[in-house]
Structure formats: structure tokens, C-alpha cells
């Protein structure tokens, strides 16, 4: 996935698109985990953490913009 430096270099629009893609992937993985066995269960954790990183960067940018 993306490292923190790669995420910080992205524009706001790119971050939004990446967050939406990760949320869709997370939904599919959760649905798949309930209906059948996942090949890589760690992908759920990776996507959750990616979404959290993106939200953290977005909130940092909003706080910096409001100052």
C-alpha cells in the first residue's frame, strides 16, 4: 500500500479517491470474509489502517488551514 510520505505528497482530491477506494475494498473484504474464507485476512487490517492514515492527514490539513 501507500506509505505515509506517499500519502502526504498526494493532493486532497487524490486522498479522497484513495479513501473511497480503500473503503470499497474494505467492504468487499468484509463481505467476502462472512461468505467464504479469505486468502489474506490481513488485508482487512491493512485497509482499515490506510483509511485511518488518510483521515489523520486530512484532519491535520484542515487544522493547518484553519489557523
PDB file of N, CA and C in Angstrom:
ATOM      1  N   UNK A   1       0.832  -1.186   0.000  1.00  0.00           N
ATOM      2  CA  UNK A   1       0.000   0.000   0.000  1.00  0.00           C
ATOM      3  C   UNK A   1       0.876   1.248   0.000  1.00  0.00           C
ATOM      4  N   UNK A   2       0.282   2.332   0.392  1.00  0.00           N
ATOM      5  CA  UNK A   2       0.968   3.619   0.377  1.00  0.00           C
ATOM      6  C   UNK A   2       1.607   3.904   1.725  1.00  0.00           C
ATOM      7  N   UNK A   3       2.795   4.453   1.660  1.00  0.00           N
ATOM      8  CA  UNK A   3       3.452   4.835   2.903  1.00  0.00           C
ATOM      9  C   UNK A   3       2.978   6.231   3.306  1.00  0.00           C
ATOM     10  N   UNK A   4       3.327   6.638   4.493  1.00  0.00           N
ATOM     11  CA  UNK A   4       2.894   7.948   4.986  1.00  0.00           C
ATOM     12  C   UNK A   4       3.421   9.074   4.118  1.00  0.00           C
ATOM     13  N   UNK A   5       4.664   8.977   3.668  1.00  0.00           N
ATOM     14  CA  UNK A   5       5.219  10.047   2.838  1.00  0.00           C
ATOM     15  C   UNK A   5       4.501  10.126   1.502  1.00  0.00           C
ATOM     16  N   UNK A   6       4.153   8.983   0.926  1.00  0.00           N
ATOM     17  CA  UNK A   6       3.415   8.984  -0.334  1.00  0.00           C
ATOM     18  C   UNK A   6       2.039   9.600  -0.149  1.00  0.00           C
ATOM     19  N   UNK A   7       1.399   9.294   0.968  1.00  0.00           N
ATOM     20  CA  UNK A   7       0.083   9.853   1.233  1.00  0.00           C
ATOM     21  C   UNK A   7       0.152  11.358   1.449  1.00  0.00           C
ATOM     22  N   UNK A   8       1.170  11.818   2.141  1.00  0.00           N
ATOM     23  CA  UNK A   8       1.299  13.251   2.404  1.00  0.00           C
ATOM     24  C   UNK A   8       1.606  14.046   1.139  1.00  0.00           C
ATOM     25  N   UNK A   9       2.209  13.409   0.144  1.00  0.00           N
ATOM     26  CA  UNK A   9       2.513  14.084  -1.110  1.00  0.00           C
ATOM     27  C   UNK A   9       1.293  14.194  -2.020  1.00  0.00           C
ATOM     28  N   UNK A  10       0.247  13.439  -1.731  1.00  0.00           N
ATOM     29  CA  UNK A  10      -0.959  13.455  -2.559  1.00  0.00           C
ATOM     30  C   UNK A  10      -1.753  14.732  -2.322  1.00  0.00           C
ATOM     31  N   UNK A  11      -2.503  15.110  -3.345  1.00  0.00           N
ATOM     32  CA  UNK A  11      -3.409  16.254  -3.200  1.00  0.00           C
ATOM     33  C   UNK A  11      -4.653  15.806  -2.447  1.00  0.00           C
ATOM     34  N   UNK A  12      -5.487  16.773  -2.088  1.00  0.00           N
ATOM     35  CA  UNK A  12      -6.713  16.455  -1.350  1.00  0.00           C
ATOM     36  C   UNK A  12      -7.638  15.562  -2.175  1.00  0.00           C
ATOM     37  N   UNK A  13      -7.724  15.819  -3.471  1.00  0.00           N
ATOM     38  CA  UNK A  13      -8.585  15.020  -4.340  1.00  0.00           C
ATOM     39  C   UNK A  13      -8.076  13.582  -4.443  1.00  0.00           C
ATOM     40  N   UNK A  14      -6.772  13.437  -4.531  1.00  0.00           N
ATOM     41  CA  UNK A  14      -6.187  12.093  -4.602  1.00  0.00           C
ATOM     42  C   UNK A  14      -6.424  11.331  -3.300  1.00  0.00           C
ATOM     43  N   UNK A  15      -6.313  12.027  -2.177  1.00  0.00           N
ATOM     44  CA  UNK A  15      -6.572  11.393  -0.883  1.00  0.00           C
ATOM     45  C   UNK A  15      -8.024  10.943  -0.785  1.00  0.00           C
ATOM     46  N   UNK A  16      -8.951  11.790  -1.242  1.00  0.00           N
ATOM     47  CA  UNK A  16     -10.363  11.410  -1.221  1.00  0.00           C
ATOM     48  C   UNK A  16     -10.609  10.173  -2.066  1.00  0.00           C
ATOM     49  N   UNK A  17     -10.013  10.142  -3.257  1.00  0.00           N
ATOM     50  CA  UNK A  17     -10.202   8.998  -4.151  1.00  0.00           C
ATOM     51  C   UNK A  17      -9.606   7.727  -3.543  1.00  0.00           C
ATOM     52  N   UNK A  18      -8.441   7.845  -2.932  1.00  0.00           N
ATOM     53  CA  UNK A  18      -7.803   6.696  -2.310  1.00  0.00           C
ATOM     54  C   UNK A  18      -8.626   6.199  -1.121  1.00  0.00           C
ATOM     55  N   UNK A  19      -9.183   7.122  -0.352  1.00  0.00           N
ATOM     56  CA  UNK A  19     -10.005   6.731   0.797  1.00  0.00           C
ATOM     57  C   UNK A  19     -11.272   6.013   0.335  1.00  0.00           C
ATOM     58  N   UNK A  20     -11.894   6.506  -0.717  1.00  0.00           N
ATOM     59  CA  UNK A  20     -13.102   5.857  -1.230  1.00  0.00           C
ATOM     60  C   UNK A  20     -12.798   4.470  -1.759  1.00  0.00           C
ATOM     61  N   UNK A  21     -11.676   4.345  -2.463  1.00  0.00           N
ATOM     62  CA  UNK A  21     -11.269   3.044  -2.998  1.00  0.00           C
ATOM     63  C   UNK A  21     -10.978   2.055  -1.865  1.00  0.00           C
ATOM     64  N   UNK A  22     -10.283   2.528  -0.832  1.00  0.00           N
ATOM     65  CA  UNK A  22      -9.963   1.663   0.299  1.00  0.00           C
ATOM     66  C   UNK A  22     -11.228   1.259   1.050  1.00  0.00           C
ATOM     67  N   UNK A  23     -12.188   2.173   1.166  1.00  0.00           N
ATOM     68  CA  UNK A  23     -13.447   1.848   1.848  1.00  0.00           C
ATOM     69  C   UNK A  23     -14.232   0.802   1.062  1.00  0.00           C
ATOM     70  N   UNK A  24     -14.232   0.920  -0.259  1.00  0.00           N
ATOM     71  CA  UNK A  24     -14.913  -0.072  -1.090  1.00  0.00           C
ATOM     72  C   UNK A  24     -14.234  -1.428  -0.986  1.00  0.00           C
ATOM     73  N   UNK A  25     -12.919  -1.421  -0.993  1.00  0.00           N
ATOM     74  CA  UNK A  25     -12.173  -2.670  -0.855  1.00  0.00           C
ATOM     75  C   UNK A  25     -12.439  -3.304   0.499  1.00  0.00           C
ATOM     76  N   UNK A  26     -12.459  -2.483   1.544  1.00  0.00           N
ATOM     77  CA  UNK A  26     -12.741  -2.988   2.889  1.00  0.00           C
ATOM     78  C   UNK A  26     -14.134  -3.604   2.955  1.00  0.00           C
ATOM     79  N   UNK A  27     -15.106  -2.962   2.332  1.00  0.00           N
ATOM     80  CA  UNK A  27     -16.461  -3.510   2.313  1.00  0.00           C
ATOM     81  C   UNK A  27     -16.479  -4.874   1.625  1.00  0.00           C
ATOM     82  N   UNK A  28     -15.826  -4.959   0.469  1.00  0.00           N
ATOM     83  CA  UNK A  28     -15.790  -6.230  -0.255  1.00  0.00           C
ATOM     84  C   UNK A  28     -15.095  -7.315   0.549  1.00  0.00           C
ATOM     85  N   UNK A  29     -14.009  -6.954   1.227  1.00  0.00           N
ATOM     86  CA  UNK A  29     -13.280  -7.935   2.032  1.00  0.00           C
ATOM     87  C   UNK A  29     -14.113  -8.419   3.216  1.00  0.00           C
ATOM     88  N   UNK A  30     -14.825  -7.497   3.862  1.00  0.00           N
ATOM     89  CA  UNK A  30     -15.682  -7.891   4.982  1.00  0.00           C
ATOM     90  C   UNK A  30     -16.812  -8.796   4.511  1.00  0.00           C
ATOM     91  N   UNK A  31     -17.387  -8.447   3.384  1.00  0.00           N
ATOM     92  CA  UNK A  31     -18.467  -9.267   2.833  1.00  0.00           C
ATOM     93  C   UNK A  31     -17.937 -10.642   2.462  1.00  0.00           C
ATOM     94  N   UNK A  32     -16.777 -10.670   1.853  1.00  0.00           N
ATOM     95  CA  UNK A  32     -16.164 -11.934   1.448  1.00  0.00           C
ATOM     96  C   UNK A  32     -15.790 -12.776   2.666  1.00  0.00           C
ATOM     97  N   UNK A  33     -15.338 -12.133   3.727  1.00  0.00           N
ATOM     98  CA  UNK A  33     -14.935 -12.888   4.913  1.00  0.00           C
ATOM     99  C   UNK A  33     -16.134 -13.560   5.575  1.00  0.00           C
ATOM    100  N   UNK A  34     -17.314 -12.963   5.436  1.00  0.00           N
ATOM    101  CA  UNK A  34     -18.504 -13.562   6.013  1.00  0.00           C
ATOM    102  C   UNK A  34     -19.060 -14.699   5.155  1.00  0.00           C
ATOM    103  N   UNK A  35     -18.854 -14.602   3.855  1.00  0.00           N
ATOM    104  CA  UNK A  35     -19.437 -15.595   2.964  1.00  0.00           C
ATOM    105  C   UNK A  35     -18.480 -16.739   2.628  1.00  0.00           C
ATOM    106  N   UNK A  36     -17.203 -16.466   2.664  1.00  0.00           N
ATOM    107  CA  UNK A  36     -16.223 -17.508   2.366  1.00  0.00           C
ATOM    108  C   UNK A  36     -14.905 -17.186   3.054  1.00  0.00           C
ATOM    109  N   UNK A  37     -13.961 -18.056   2.924  1.00  0.00           N
ATOM    110  CA  UNK A  37     -12.671 -17.862   3.579  1.00  0.00           C
ATOM    111  C   UNK A  37     -11.780 -16.936   2.749  1.00  0.00           C
ATOM    112  N   UNK A  38     -11.138 -15.998   3.425  1.00  0.00           N
ATOM    113  CA  UNK A  38     -10.231 -15.066   2.748  1.00  0.00           C
ATOM    114  C   UNK A  38      -8.864 -15.708   2.571  1.00  0.00           C
ATOM    115  N   UNK A  39      -8.228 -15.380   1.454  1.00  0.00           N
ATOM    116  CA  UNK A  39      -6.861 -15.857   1.229  1.00  0.00           C
ATOM    117  C   UNK A  39      -5.872 -15.099   2.109  1.00  0.00           C
ATOM    118  N   UNK A  40      -6.112 -13.803   2.262  1.00  0.00           N
ATOM    119  CA  UNK A  40      -5.231 -12.975   3.085  1.00  0.00           C
ATOM    120  C   UNK A  40      -6.073 -12.144   4.049  1.00  0.00           C
ATOM    121  N   UNK A  41      -6.342 -12.680   5.234  1.00  0.00           N
ATOM    122  CA  UNK A  41      -7.157 -11.944   6.211  1.00  0.00           C
ATOM    123  C   UNK A  41      -6.511 -10.642   6.679  1.00  0.00           C
ATOM    124  N   UNK A  42      -5.215 -10.518   6.537  1.00  0.00           N
ATOM    125  CA  UNK A  42      -4.529  -9.302   6.973  1.00  0.00           C
ATOM    126  C   UNK A  42      -4.873  -8.101   6.097  1.00  0.00           C
ATOM    127  N   UNK A  43      -5.478  -8.322   4.940  1.00  0.00           N
ATOM    128  CA  UNK A  43      -5.859  -7.217   4.063  1.00  0.00           C
ATOM    129  C   UNK A  43      -6.921  -6.334   4.721  1.00  0.00           C
ATOM    130  N   UNK A  44      -7.762  -6.913   5.543  1.00  0.00           N
ATOM    131  CA  UNK A  44      -8.779  -6.118   6.236  1.00  0.00           C
ATOM    132  C   UNK A  44      -8.093  -5.110   7.145  1.00  0.00           C
ATOM    133  N   UNK A  45      -7.124  -5.558   7.915  1.00  0.00           N
ATOM    134  CA  UNK A  45      -6.393  -4.666   8.819  1.00  0.00           C
ATOM    135  C   UNK A  45      -5.632  -3.603   8.037  1.00  0.00           C
ATOM    136  N   UNK A  46      -5.004  -3.991   6.944  1.00  0.00           N
ATOM    137  CA  UNK A  46      -4.244  -3.032   6.138  1.00  0.00           C
ATOM    138  C   UNK A  46      -5.141  -1.926   5.598  1.00  0.00           C
ATOM    139  N   UNK A  47      -6.323  -2.284   5.123  1.00  0.00           N
ATOM    140  CA  UNK A  47      -7.239  -1.287   4.584  1.00  0.00           C
ATOM    141  C   UNK A  47      -7.789  -0.383   5.678  1.00  0.00           C
ATOM    142  N   UNK A  48      -8.089  -0.946   6.847  1.00  0.00           N
ATOM    143  CA  UNK A  48      -8.557  -0.122   7.962  1.00  0.00           C
ATOM    144  C   UNK A  48      -7.506   0.902   8.359  1.00  0.00           C
ATOM    145  N   UNK A  49      -6.273   0.460   8.418  1.00  0.00           N
ATOM    146  CA  UNK A  49      -5.190   1.367   8.806  1.00  0.00           C
ATOM    147  C   UNK A  49      -4.916   2.419   7.735  1.00  0.00           C
ATOM    148  N   UNK A  50      -5.053   2.044   6.467  1.00  0.00           N
ATOM    149  CA  UNK A  50      -4.882   3.006   5.384  1.00  0.00           C
ATOM    150  C   UNK A  50      -5.942   4.101   5.476  1.00  0.00           C
ATOM    151  N   UNK A  51      -7.172   3.710   5.728  1.00  0.00           N
ATOM    152  CA  UNK A  51      -8.243   4.690   5.867  1.00  0.00           C
ATOM    153  C   UNK A  51      -7.960   5.609   7.054  1.00  0.00           C
ATOM    154  N   UNK A  52      -7.493   5.053   8.146  1.00  0.00           N
ATOM    155  CA  UNK A  52      -7.169   5.859   9.326  1.00  0.00           C
ATOM    156  C   UNK A  52      -6.038   6.835   9.039  1.00  0.00           C
ATOM    157  N   UNK A  53      -5.018   6.399   8.316  1.00  0.00           N
ATOM    158  CA  UNK A  53      -3.909   7.297   7.952  1.00  0.00           C
ATOM    159  C   UNK A  53      -4.408   8.461   7.098  1.00  0.00           C
ATOM    160  N   UNK A  54      -5.257   8.152   6.137  1.00  0.00           N
ATOM    161  CA  UNK A  54      -5.776   9.185   5.247  1.00  0.00           C
ATOM    162  C   UNK A  54      -6.613  10.183   6.034  1.00  0.00           C
ATOM    163  N   UNK A  55      -7.475   9.697   6.911  1.00  0.00           N
ATOM    164  CA  UNK A  55      -8.304  10.594   7.710  1.00  0.00           C
ATOM    165  C   UNK A  55      -7.458  11.464   8.630  1.00  0.00           C
ATOM    166  N   UNK A  56      -6.377  10.909   9.160  1.00  0.00           N
ATOM    167  CA  UNK A  56      -5.483  11.682  10.019  1.00  0.00           C
ATOM    168  C   UNK A  56      -4.826  12.803   9.225  1.00  0.00           C
ATOM    169  N   UNK A  57      -4.338  12.505   8.039  1.00  0.00           N
ATOM    170  CA  UNK A  57      -3.703  13.518   7.200  1.00  0.00           C
ATOM    171  C   UNK A  57      -4.706  14.591   6.810  1.00  0.00           C
ATOM    172  N   UNK A  58      -5.927  14.189   6.480  1.00  0.00           N
ATOM    173  CA  UNK A  58      -6.949  15.164   6.112  1.00  0.00           C
ATOM    174  C   UNK A  58      -7.290  16.081   7.281  1.00  0.00           C
ATOM    175  N   UNK A  59      -7.386  15.536   8.480  1.00  0.00           N
ATOM    176  CA  UNK A  59      -7.702  16.378   9.631  1.00  0.00           C
ATOM    177  C   UNK A  59      -6.540  17.308   9.966  1.00  0.00           C
ATOM    178  N   UNK A  60      -5.307  16.847   9.791  1.00  0.00           N
ATOM    179  CA  UNK A  60      -4.148  17.706  10.018  1.00  0.00           C
ATOM    180  C   UNK A  60      -4.162  18.884   9.041  1.00  0.00           C
ATOM    181  N   UNK A  61      -4.504  18.594   7.785  1.00  0.00           N
ATOM    182  CA  UNK A  61      -4.565  19.662   6.786  1.00  0.00           C
ATOM    183  C   UNK A  61      -5.680  20.644   7.093  1.00  0.00           C
ATOM    184  N   UNK A  62      -6.805  20.168   7.566  1.00  0.00           N
ATOM    185  CA  UNK A  62      -7.910  21.066   7.907  1.00  0.00           C
ATOM    186  C   UNK A  62      -7.546  21.954   9.078  1.00  0.00           C
ATOM    187  N   UNK A  63      -6.864  21.397  10.064  1.00  0.00           N
ATOM    188  CA  UNK A  63      -6.455  22.198  11.221  1.00  0.00           C
ATOM    189  C   UNK A  63      -5.427  23.242  10.816  1.00  0.00           C
ATOM    190  N   UNK A  64      -4.505  22.862   9.918  1.00  0.00           N
ATOM    191  CA  UNK A  64      -3.486  23.805   9.469  1.00  0.00           C
ATOM    192  C   UNK A  64      -4.122  24.921   8.635  1.00  0.00           C
ATOM    193  N   UNK A  65      -5.146  24.590   7.861  1.00  0.00           N
ATOM    194  CA  UNK A  65      -5.804  25.592   7.030  1.00  0.00           C
ATOM    195  C   UNK A  65      -6.639  26.566   7.862  1.00  0.00           C
ATOM    196  N   UNK A  66      -7.161  26.102   8.978  1.00  0.00           N
ATOM    197  CA  UNK A  66      -7.993  26.974   9.806  1.00  0.00           C
ATOM    198  C   UNK A  66      -7.180  27.948  10.646  1.00  0.00           C
ATOM    199  N   UNK A  67      -5.910  27.681  10.812  1.00  0.00           N
ATOM    200  CA  UNK A  67      -5.052  28.577  11.614  1.00  0.00           C
ATOM    201  C   UNK A  67      -4.622  29.791  10.861  1.00  0.00           C
TER     202      UNK A  67
END
